[in-house]
Amino acid sequence: FVIAADKGWQAQSSDHRDAINALGIT
């Protein structure tokens, strides 16, 4: 999971987090 230091958490960060969570990738 990649986050840019100069931009911080953004909209698609949440979408991709939710996808990882939904897929059960631990």
mmCIF file of all heavy atoms, coordinates in Angstrom:
data_MODEL
# 
_entry.id   MODEL 
# 
loop_
_atom_site.group_PDB 
_atom_site.id 
_atom_site.type_symbol 
_atom_site.label_atom_id 
_atom_site.label_alt_id 
_atom_site.label_comp_id 
_atom_site.label_asym_id 
_atom_site.label_entity_id 
_atom_site.label_seq_id 
_atom_site.pdbx_PDB_ins_code 
_atom_site.Cartn_x 
_atom_site.Cartn_y 
_atom_site.Cartn_z 
_atom_site.occupancy 
_atom_site.B_iso_or_equiv 
_atom_site.pdbx_formal_charge 
_atom_site.auth_seq_id 
_atom_site.auth_comp_id 
_atom_site.auth_asym_id 
_atom_site.auth_atom_id 
_atom_site.pdbx_PDB_model_num 
ATOM 1   N N   . PHE A 1 1  ? 0.848   -1.191  0.000  1.00 0.00 ? 1  PHE A N   1 
ATOM 2   C CA  . PHE A 1 1  ? 0.000   0.000   0.000  1.00 0.00 ? 1  PHE A CA  1 
ATOM 3   C C   . PHE A 1 1  ? 0.888   1.247   0.000  1.00 0.00 ? 1  PHE A C   1 
ATOM 4   O O   . PHE A 1 1  ? 1.745   1.411   0.874  1.00 0.00 ? 1  PHE A O   1 
ATOM 5   C CB  . PHE A 1 1  ? -0.891  -0.010  1.241  1.00 0.00 ? 1  PHE A CB  1 
ATOM 6   C CG  . PHE A 1 1  ? -2.057  0.906   1.155  1.00 0.00 ? 1  PHE A CG  1 
ATOM 7   C CD1 . PHE A 1 1  ? -3.297  0.455   0.735  1.00 0.00 ? 1  PHE A CD1 1 
ATOM 8   C CD2 . PHE A 1 1  ? -1.923  2.250   1.486  1.00 0.00 ? 1  PHE A CD2 1 
ATOM 9   C CE1 . PHE A 1 1  ? -4.378  1.312   0.649  1.00 0.00 ? 1  PHE A CE1 1 
ATOM 10  C CE2 . PHE A 1 1  ? -2.998  3.114   1.393  1.00 0.00 ? 1  PHE A CE2 1 
ATOM 11  C CZ  . PHE A 1 1  ? -4.233  2.640   0.974  1.00 0.00 ? 1  PHE A CZ  1 
ATOM 12  N N   . VAL A 1 2  ? 0.662   2.129   -0.989 1.00 0.00 ? 2  VAL A N   1 
ATOM 13  C CA  . VAL A 1 2  ? 1.542   3.275   -1.211 1.00 0.00 ? 2  VAL A CA  1 
ATOM 14  C C   . VAL A 1 2  ? 0.805   4.583   -0.924 1.00 0.00 ? 2  VAL A C   1 
ATOM 15  O O   . VAL A 1 2  ? -0.316  4.799   -1.400 1.00 0.00 ? 2  VAL A O   1 
ATOM 16  C CB  . VAL A 1 2  ? 2.075   3.266   -2.661 1.00 0.00 ? 2  VAL A CB  1 
ATOM 17  C CG1 . VAL A 1 2  ? 2.923   4.504   -2.930 1.00 0.00 ? 2  VAL A CG1 1 
ATOM 18  C CG2 . VAL A 1 2  ? 2.876   1.993   -2.922 1.00 0.00 ? 2  VAL A CG2 1 
ATOM 19  N N   . ILE A 1 3  ? 1.462   5.459   -0.150 1.00 0.00 ? 3  ILE A N   1 
ATOM 20  C CA  . ILE A 1 3  ? 0.937   6.795   0.160  1.00 0.00 ? 3  ILE A CA  1 
ATOM 21  C C   . ILE A 1 3  ? 2.072   7.800   -0.041 1.00 0.00 ? 3  ILE A C   1 
ATOM 22  O O   . ILE A 1 3  ? 3.190   7.586   0.451  1.00 0.00 ? 3  ILE A O   1 
ATOM 23  C CB  . ILE A 1 3  ? 0.442   6.900   1.620  1.00 0.00 ? 3  ILE A CB  1 
ATOM 24  C CG1 . ILE A 1 3  ? -0.517  5.761   1.952  1.00 0.00 ? 3  ILE A CG1 1 
ATOM 25  C CG2 . ILE A 1 3  ? -0.225  8.244   1.870  1.00 0.00 ? 3  ILE A CG2 1 
ATOM 26  C CD1 . ILE A 1 3  ? -0.788  5.628   3.435  1.00 0.00 ? 3  ILE A CD1 1 
ATOM 27  N N   . ALA A 1 4  ? 1.796   8.885   -0.745 1.00 0.00 ? 4  ALA A N   1 
ATOM 28  C CA  . ALA A 1 4  ? 2.827   9.902   -0.986 1.00 0.00 ? 4  ALA A CA  1 
ATOM 29  C C   . ALA A 1 4  ? 2.913   10.851  0.203  1.00 0.00 ? 4  ALA A C   1 
ATOM 30  O O   . ALA A 1 4  ? 1.890   11.349  0.691  1.00 0.00 ? 4  ALA A O   1 
ATOM 31  C CB  . ALA A 1 4  ? 2.518   10.684  -2.249 1.00 0.00 ? 4  ALA A CB  1 
ATOM 32  N N   . ALA A 1 5  ? 4.136   11.081  0.665  1.00 0.00 ? 5  ALA A N   1 
ATOM 33  C CA  . ALA A 1 5  ? 4.326   11.950  1.830  1.00 0.00 ? 5  ALA A CA  1 
ATOM 34  C C   . ALA A 1 5  ? 3.861   13.372  1.557  1.00 0.00 ? 5  ALA A C   1 
ATOM 35  O O   . ALA A 1 5  ? 3.374   14.066  2.456  1.00 0.00 ? 5  ALA A O   1 
ATOM 36  C CB  . ALA A 1 5  ? 5.804   11.949  2.235  1.00 0.00 ? 5  ALA A CB  1 
ATOM 37  N N   . ASP A 1 6  ? 4.006   13.840  0.311  1.00 0.00 ? 6  ASP A N   1 
ATOM 38  C CA  . ASP A 1 6  ? 3.654   15.221  -0.001 1.00 0.00 ? 6  ASP A CA  1 
ATOM 39  C C   . ASP A 1 6  ? 2.165   15.403  -0.273 1.00 0.00 ? 6  ASP A C   1 
ATOM 40  O O   . ASP A 1 6  ? 1.698   16.531  -0.457 1.00 0.00 ? 6  ASP A O   1 
ATOM 41  C CB  . ASP A 1 6  ? 4.465   15.720  -1.196 1.00 0.00 ? 6  ASP A CB  1 
ATOM 42  C CG  . ASP A 1 6  ? 4.237   14.873  -2.437 1.00 0.00 ? 6  ASP A CG  1 
ATOM 43  O OD1 . ASP A 1 6  ? 3.982   13.654  -2.291 1.00 0.00 ? 6  ASP A OD1 1 
ATOM 44  O OD2 . ASP A 1 6  ? 4.289   15.421  -3.557 1.00 0.00 ? 6  ASP A OD2 1 
ATOM 45  N N   . LYS A 1 7  ? 1.386   14.299  -0.295 1.00 0.00 ? 7  LYS A N   1 
ATOM 46  C CA  . LYS A 1 7  ? -0.047  14.420  -0.575 1.00 0.00 ? 7  LYS A CA  1 
ATOM 47  C C   . LYS A 1 7  ? -0.906  13.820  0.521  1.00 0.00 ? 7  LYS A C   1 
ATOM 48  O O   . LYS A 1 7  ? -2.076  14.200  0.685  1.00 0.00 ? 7  LYS A O   1 
ATOM 49  C CB  . LYS A 1 7  ? -0.380  13.754  -1.912 1.00 0.00 ? 7  LYS A CB  1 
ATOM 50  C CG  . LYS A 1 7  ? 0.297   14.448  -3.093 1.00 0.00 ? 7  LYS A CG  1 
ATOM 51  C CD  . LYS A 1 7  ? -0.202  13.904  -4.420 1.00 0.00 ? 7  LYS A CD  1 
ATOM 52  C CE  . LYS A 1 7  ? 0.411   14.685  -5.572 1.00 0.00 ? 7  LYS A CE  1 
ATOM 53  N NZ  . LYS A 1 7  ? -0.069  14.217  -6.896 1.00 0.00 ? 7  LYS A NZ  1 
ATOM 54  N N   . GLY A 1 8  ? -0.362  12.883  1.267  1.00 0.00 ? 8  GLY A N   1 
ATOM 55  C CA  . GLY A 1 8  ? -1.117  12.296  2.366  1.00 0.00 ? 8  GLY A CA  1 
ATOM 56  C C   . GLY A 1 8  ? -2.253  11.399  1.894  1.00 0.00 ? 8  GLY A C   1 
ATOM 57  O O   . GLY A 1 8  ? -2.382  11.075  0.709  1.00 0.00 ? 8  GLY A O   1 
ATOM 58  N N   . TRP A 1 9  ? -3.062  10.999  2.846  1.00 0.00 ? 9  TRP A N   1 
ATOM 59  C CA  . TRP A 1 9  ? -4.198  10.106  2.558  1.00 0.00 ? 9  TRP A CA  1 
ATOM 60  C C   . TRP A 1 9  ? -5.227  10.823  1.703  1.00 0.00 ? 9  TRP A C   1 
ATOM 61  O O   . TRP A 1 9  ? -5.630  11.940  2.014  1.00 0.00 ? 9  TRP A O   1 
ATOM 62  C CB  . TRP A 1 9  ? -4.827  9.652   3.867  1.00 0.00 ? 9  TRP A CB  1 
ATOM 63  C CG  . TRP A 1 9  ? -5.775  8.500   3.695  1.00 0.00 ? 9  TRP A CG  1 
ATOM 64  C CD1 . TRP A 1 9  ? -7.084  8.573   3.368  1.00 0.00 ? 9  TRP A CD1 1 
ATOM 65  C CD2 . TRP A 1 9  ? -5.475  7.115   3.838  1.00 0.00 ? 9  TRP A CD2 1 
ATOM 66  N NE1 . TRP A 1 9  ? -7.645  7.326   3.292  1.00 0.00 ? 9  TRP A NE1 1 
ATOM 67  C CE2 . TRP A 1 9  ? -6.674  6.396   3.581  1.00 0.00 ? 9  TRP A CE2 1 
ATOM 68  C CE3 . TRP A 1 9  ? -4.327  6.400   4.157  1.00 0.00 ? 9  TRP A CE3 1 
ATOM 69  C CZ2 . TRP A 1 9  ? -6.736  5.010   3.651  1.00 0.00 ? 9  TRP A CZ2 1 
ATOM 70  C CZ3 . TRP A 1 9  ? -4.388  5.030   4.234  1.00 0.00 ? 9  TRP A CZ3 1 
ATOM 71  C CH2 . TRP A 1 9  ? -5.587  4.341   3.962  1.00 0.00 ? 9  TRP A CH2 1 
ATOM 72  N N   . GLN A 1 10 ? -5.674  10.163  0.601  1.00 0.00 ? 10 GLN A N   1 
ATOM 73  C CA  . GLN A 1 10 ? -6.648  10.786  -0.282 1.00 0.00 ? 10 GLN A CA  1 
ATOM 74  C C   . GLN A 1 10 ? -7.775  9.810   -0.631 1.00 0.00 ? 10 GLN A C   1 
ATOM 75  O O   . GLN A 1 10 ? -7.801  8.671   -0.141 1.00 0.00 ? 10 GLN A O   1 
ATOM 76  C CB  . GLN A 1 10 ? -5.948  11.301  -1.541 1.00 0.00 ? 10 GLN A CB  1 
ATOM 77  C CG  . GLN A 1 10 ? -5.003  12.477  -1.246 1.00 0.00 ? 10 GLN A CG  1 
ATOM 78  C CD  . GLN A 1 10 ? -4.445  13.106  -2.490 1.00 0.00 ? 10 GLN A CD  1 
ATOM 79  O OE1 . GLN A 1 10 ? -3.830  12.433  -3.295 1.00 0.00 ? 10 GLN A OE1 1 
ATOM 80  N NE2 . GLN A 1 10 ? -4.655  14.412  -2.645 1.00 0.00 ? 10 GLN A NE2 1 
ATOM 81  N N   . ALA A 1 11 ? -8.672  10.287  -1.499 1.00 0.00 ? 11 ALA A N   1 
ATOM 82  C CA  . ALA A 1 11 ? -9.916  9.545   -1.752 1.00 0.00 ? 11 ALA A CA  1 
ATOM 83  C C   . ALA A 1 11 ? -9.683  8.103   -2.180 1.00 0.00 ? 11 ALA A C   1 
ATOM 84  O O   . ALA A 1 11 ? -10.234 7.156   -1.605 1.00 0.00 ? 11 ALA A O   1 
ATOM 85  C CB  . ALA A 1 11 ? -10.747 10.280  -2.804 1.00 0.00 ? 11 ALA A CB  1 
ATOM 86  N N   . GLN A 1 12 ? -8.831  7.904   -3.212 1.00 0.00 ? 12 GLN A N   1 
ATOM 87  C CA  . GLN A 1 12 ? -8.628  6.536   -3.683 1.00 0.00 ? 12 GLN A CA  1 
ATOM 88  C C   . GLN A 1 12 ? -7.785  5.712   -2.716 1.00 0.00 ? 12 GLN A C   1 
ATOM 89  O O   . GLN A 1 12 ? -7.778  4.483   -2.798 1.00 0.00 ? 12 GLN A O   1 
ATOM 90  C CB  . GLN A 1 12 ? -7.992  6.528   -5.077 1.00 0.00 ? 12 GLN A CB  1 
ATOM 91  C CG  . GLN A 1 12 ? -9.012  6.506   -6.208 1.00 0.00 ? 12 GLN A CG  1 
ATOM 92  C CD  . GLN A 1 12 ? -9.907  7.745   -6.158 1.00 0.00 ? 12 GLN A CD  1 
ATOM 93  O OE1 . GLN A 1 12 ? -9.416  8.857   -6.322 1.00 0.00 ? 12 GLN A OE1 1 
ATOM 94  N NE2 . GLN A 1 12 ? -11.184 7.550   -5.933 1.00 0.00 ? 12 GLN A NE2 1 
ATOM 95  N N   . SER A 1 13 ? -7.111  6.379   -1.789 1.00 0.00 ? 13 SER A N   1 
ATOM 96  C CA  . SER A 1 13 ? -6.442  5.624   -0.723 1.00 0.00 ? 13 SER A CA  1 
ATOM 97  C C   . SER A 1 13 ? -7.492  4.828   0.046  1.00 0.00 ? 13 SER A C   1 
ATOM 98  O O   . SER A 1 13 ? -7.299  3.645   0.355  1.00 0.00 ? 13 SER A O   1 
ATOM 99  C CB  . SER A 1 13 ? -5.698  6.565   0.226  1.00 0.00 ? 13 SER A CB  1 
ATOM 100 O OG  . SER A 1 13 ? -4.717  7.327   -0.447 1.00 0.00 ? 13 SER A OG  1 
ATOM 101 N N   . SER A 1 14 ? -8.605  5.475   0.338  1.00 0.00 ? 14 SER A N   1 
ATOM 102 C CA  . SER A 1 14 ? -9.682  4.789   1.062  1.00 0.00 ? 14 SER A CA  1 
ATOM 103 C C   . SER A 1 14 ? -10.296 3.682   0.220  1.00 0.00 ? 14 SER A C   1 
ATOM 104 O O   . SER A 1 14 ? -10.596 2.590   0.721  1.00 0.00 ? 14 SER A O   1 
ATOM 105 C CB  . SER A 1 14 ? -10.764 5.795   1.475  1.00 0.00 ? 14 SER A CB  1 
ATOM 106 O OG  . SER A 1 14 ? -10.255 6.742   2.384  1.00 0.00 ? 14 SER A OG  1 
ATOM 107 N N   . ASP A 1 15 ? -10.494 3.947   -1.085 1.00 0.00 ? 15 ASP A N   1 
ATOM 108 C CA  . ASP A 1 15 ? -11.079 2.920   -1.956 1.00 0.00 ? 15 ASP A CA  1 
ATOM 109 C C   . ASP A 1 15 ? -10.185 1.682   -2.022 1.00 0.00 ? 15 ASP A C   1 
ATOM 110 O O   . ASP A 1 15 ? -10.666 0.544   -1.941 1.00 0.00 ? 15 ASP A O   1 
ATOM 111 C CB  . ASP A 1 15 ? -11.289 3.478   -3.370 1.00 0.00 ? 15 ASP A CB  1 
ATOM 112 C CG  . ASP A 1 15 ? -12.347 4.561   -3.395 1.00 0.00 ? 15 ASP A CG  1 
ATOM 113 O OD1 . ASP A 1 15 ? -13.187 4.591   -2.478 1.00 0.00 ? 15 ASP A OD1 1 
ATOM 114 O OD2 . ASP A 1 15 ? -12.331 5.383   -4.338 1.00 0.00 ? 15 ASP A OD2 1 
ATOM 115 N N   . HIS A 1 16 ? -8.886  1.894   -2.162 1.00 0.00 ? 16 HIS A N   1 
ATOM 116 C CA  . HIS A 1 16 ? -7.962  0.767   -2.259 1.00 0.00 ? 16 HIS A CA  1 
ATOM 117 C C   . HIS A 1 16 ? -7.832  0.042   -0.925 1.00 0.00 ? 16 HIS A C   1 
ATOM 118 O O   . HIS A 1 16 ? -7.714  -1.185  -0.888 1.00 0.00 ? 16 HIS A O   1 
ATOM 119 C CB  . HIS A 1 16 ? -6.604  1.247   -2.758 1.00 0.00 ? 16 HIS A CB  1 
ATOM 120 C CG  . HIS A 1 16 ? -6.603  1.620   -4.209 1.00 0.00 ? 16 HIS A CG  1 
ATOM 121 N ND1 . HIS A 1 16 ? -5.511  1.463   -5.025 1.00 0.00 ? 16 HIS A ND1 1 
ATOM 122 C CD2 . HIS A 1 16 ? -7.576  2.141   -5.009 1.00 0.00 ? 16 HIS A CD2 1 
ATOM 123 C CE1 . HIS A 1 16 ? -5.813  1.872   -6.261 1.00 0.00 ? 16 HIS A CE1 1 
ATOM 124 N NE2 . HIS A 1 16 ? -7.058  2.302   -6.248 1.00 0.00 ? 16 HIS A NE2 1 
ATOM 125 N N   . ARG A 1 17 ? -7.849  0.799   0.177  1.00 0.00 ? 17 ARG A N   1 
ATOM 126 C CA  . ARG A 1 17 ? -7.863  0.167   1.505  1.00 0.00 ? 17 ARG A CA  1 
ATOM 127 C C   . ARG A 1 17 ? -9.077  -0.733  1.654  1.00 0.00 ? 17 ARG A C   1 
ATOM 128 O O   . ARG A 1 17 ? -8.975  -1.874  2.121  1.00 0.00 ? 17 ARG A O   1 
ATOM 129 C CB  . ARG A 1 17 ? -7.893  1.243   2.593  1.00 0.00 ? 17 ARG A CB  1 
ATOM 130 C CG  . ARG A 1 17 ? -8.115  0.698   4.000  1.00 0.00 ? 17 ARG A CG  1 
ATOM 131 C CD  . ARG A 1 17 ? -8.726  1.753   4.895  1.00 0.00 ? 17 ARG A CD  1 
ATOM 132 N NE  . ARG A 1 17 ? -10.012 2.227   4.392  1.00 0.00 ? 17 ARG A NE  1 
ATOM 133 C CZ  . ARG A 1 17 ? -10.610 3.337   4.798  1.00 0.00 ? 17 ARG A CZ  1 
ATOM 134 N NH1 . ARG A 1 17 ? -10.026 4.116   5.690  1.00 0.00 ? 17 ARG A NH1 1 
ATOM 135 N NH2 . ARG A 1 17 ? -11.797 3.683   4.298  1.00 0.00 ? 17 ARG A NH2 1 
ATOM 136 N N   . ASP A 1 18 ? -10.247 -0.233  1.237  1.00 0.00 ? 18 ASP A N   1 
ATOM 137 C CA  . ASP A 1 18 ? -11.479 -1.022  1.361  1.00 0.00 ? 18 ASP A CA  1 
ATOM 138 C C   . ASP A 1 18 ? -11.427 -2.275  0.485  1.00 0.00 ? 18 ASP A C   1 
ATOM 139 O O   . ASP A 1 18 ? -11.930 -3.334  0.865  1.00 0.00 ? 18 ASP A O   1 
ATOM 140 C CB  . ASP A 1 18 ? -12.687 -0.165  0.976  1.00 0.00 ? 18 ASP A CB  1 
ATOM 141 C CG  . ASP A 1 18 ? -12.942 0.960   1.966  1.00 0.00 ? 18 ASP A CG  1 
ATOM 142 O OD1 . ASP A 1 18 ? -12.379 0.904   3.077  1.00 0.00 ? 18 ASP A OD1 1 
ATOM 143 O OD2 . ASP A 1 18 ? -13.695 1.891   1.620  1.00 0.00 ? 18 ASP A OD2 1 
ATOM 144 N N   . ALA A 1 19 ? -10.813 -2.138  -0.683 1.00 0.00 ? 19 ALA A N   1 
ATOM 145 C CA  . ALA A 1 19 ? -10.697 -3.299  -1.561 1.00 0.00 ? 19 ALA A CA  1 
ATOM 146 C C   . ALA A 1 19 ? -9.806  -4.366  -0.933 1.00 0.00 ? 19 ALA A C   1 
ATOM 147 O O   . ALA A 1 19 ? -10.129 -5.565  -0.948 1.00 0.00 ? 19 ALA A O   1 
ATOM 148 C CB  . ALA A 1 19 ? -10.145 -2.881  -2.916 1.00 0.00 ? 19 ALA A CB  1 
ATOM 149 N N   . ILE A 1 20 ? -8.676  -3.960  -0.375 1.00 0.00 ? 20 ILE A N   1 
ATOM 150 C CA  . ILE A 1 20 ? -7.776  -4.902  0.294  1.00 0.00 ? 20 ILE A CA  1 
ATOM 151 C C   . ILE A 1 20 ? -8.495  -5.571  1.459  1.00 0.00 ? 20 ILE A C   1 
ATOM 152 O O   . ILE A 1 20 ? -8.407  -6.791  1.662  1.00 0.00 ? 20 ILE A O   1 
ATOM 153 C CB  . ILE A 1 20 ? -6.507  -4.181  0.778  1.00 0.00 ? 20 ILE A CB  1 
ATOM 154 C CG1 . ILE A 1 20 ? -5.665  -3.732  -0.418 1.00 0.00 ? 20 ILE A CG1 1 
ATOM 155 C CG2 . ILE A 1 20 ? -5.695  -5.065  1.716  1.00 0.00 ? 20 ILE A CG2 1 
ATOM 156 C CD1 . ILE A 1 20 ? -4.515  -2.815  -0.048 1.00 0.00 ? 20 ILE A CD1 1 
ATOM 157 N N   . ASN A 1 21 ? -9.215  -4.783  2.213  1.00 0.00 ? 21 ASN A N   1 
ATOM 158 C CA  . ASN A 1 21 ? -9.951  -5.309  3.363  1.00 0.00 ? 21 ASN A CA  1 
ATOM 159 C C   . ASN A 1 21 ? -11.025 -6.294  2.908  1.00 0.00 ? 21 ASN A C   1 
ATOM 160 O O   . ASN A 1 21 ? -11.207 -7.371  3.496  1.00 0.00 ? 21 ASN A O   1 
ATOM 161 C CB  . ASN A 1 21 ? -10.577 -4.146  4.137  1.00 0.00 ? 21 ASN A CB  1 
ATOM 162 C CG  . ASN A 1 21 ? -10.982 -4.530  5.542  1.00 0.00 ? 21 ASN A CG  1 
ATOM 163 O OD1 . ASN A 1 21 ? -10.367 -5.400  6.156  1.00 0.00 ? 21 ASN A OD1 1 
ATOM 164 N ND2 . ASN A 1 21 ? -12.023 -3.904  6.043  1.00 0.00 ? 21 ASN A ND2 1 
ATOM 165 N N   . ALA A 1 22 ? -11.744 -5.938  1.839  1.00 0.00 ? 22 ALA A N   1 
ATOM 166 C CA  . ALA A 1 22 ? -12.800 -6.809  1.328  1.00 0.00 ? 22 ALA A CA  1 
ATOM 167 C C   . ALA A 1 22 ? -12.241 -8.119  0.803  1.00 0.00 ? 22 ALA A C   1 
ATOM 168 O O   . ALA A 1 22 ? -12.876 -9.175  0.934  1.00 0.00 ? 22 ALA A O   1 
ATOM 169 C CB  . ALA A 1 22 ? -13.575 -6.090  0.220  1.00 0.00 ? 22 ALA A CB  1 
ATOM 170 N N   . LEU A 1 23 ? -11.059 -8.077  0.213  1.00 0.00 ? 23 LEU A N   1 
ATOM 171 C CA  . LEU A 1 23 ? -10.438 -9.279  -0.335 1.00 0.00 ? 23 LEU A CA  1 
ATOM 172 C C   . LEU A 1 23 ? -9.778  -10.137 0.738  1.00 0.00 ? 23 LEU A C   1 
ATOM 173 O O   . LEU A 1 23 ? -9.310  -11.240 0.455  1.00 0.00 ? 23 LEU A O   1 
ATOM 174 C CB  . LEU A 1 23 ? -9.408  -8.896  -1.402 1.00 0.00 ? 23 LEU A CB  1 
ATOM 175 C CG  . LEU A 1 23 ? -10.000 -8.329  -2.698 1.00 0.00 ? 23 LEU A CG  1 
ATOM 176 C CD1 . LEU A 1 23 ? -8.908  -7.698  -3.551 1.00 0.00 ? 23 LEU A CD1 1 
ATOM 177 C CD2 . LEU A 1 23 ? -10.728 -9.412  -3.479 1.00 0.00 ? 23 LEU A CD2 1 
ATOM 178 N N   . GLY A 1 24 ? -9.707  -9.605  1.958  1.00 0.00 ? 24 GLY A N   1 
ATOM 179 C CA  . GLY A 1 24 ? -9.141  -10.384 3.053  1.00 0.00 ? 24 GLY A CA  1 
ATOM 180 C C   . GLY A 1 24 ? -7.641  -10.577 2.959  1.00 0.00 ? 24 GLY A C   1 
ATOM 181 O O   . GLY A 1 24 ? -7.103  -11.559 3.478  1.00 0.00 ? 24 GLY A O   1 
ATOM 182 N N   . ILE A 1 25 ? -6.935  -9.652  2.318  1.00 0.00 ? 25 ILE A N   1 
ATOM 183 C CA  . ILE A 1 25 ? -5.475  -9.756  2.184  1.00 0.00 ? 25 ILE A CA  1 
ATOM 184 C C   . ILE A 1 25 ? -4.844  -9.345  3.513  1.00 0.00 ? 25 ILE A C   1 
ATOM 185 O O   . ILE A 1 25 ? -4.900  -8.179  3.899  1.00 0.00 ? 25 ILE A O   1 
ATOM 186 C CB  . ILE A 1 25 ? -4.953  -8.881  1.039  1.00 0.00 ? 25 ILE A CB  1 
ATOM 187 C CG1 . ILE A 1 25 ? -5.573  -9.327  -0.288 1.00 0.00 ? 25 ILE A CG1 1 
ATOM 188 C CG2 . ILE A 1 25 ? -3.430  -8.947  0.966  1.00 0.00 ? 25 ILE A CG2 1 
ATOM 189 C CD1 . ILE A 1 25 ? -5.215  -8.445  -1.467 1.00 0.00 ? 25 ILE A CD1 1 
ATOM 190 N N   . THR A 1 26 ? -4.251  -10.284 4.201  1.00 0.00 ? 26 THR A N   1 
ATOM 191 C CA  . THR A 1 26 ? -3.716  -10.023 5.537  1.00 0.00 ? 26 THR A CA  1 
ATOM 192 C C   . THR A 1 26 ? -2.211  -9.801  5.551  1.00 0.00 ? 26 THR A C   1 
ATOM 193 O O   . THR A 1 26 ? -1.669  -9.352  6.566  1.00 0.00 ? 26 THR A O   1 
ATOM 194 C CB  . THR A 1 26 ? -4.043  -11.200 6.470  1.00 0.00 ? 26 THR A CB  1 
ATOM 195 O OG1 . THR A 1 26 ? -3.513  -12.406 5.909  1.00 0.00 ? 26 THR A OG1 1 
ATOM 196 C CG2 . THR A 1 26 ? -5.546  -11.351 6.659  1.00 0.00 ? 26 THR A CG2 1 
# 
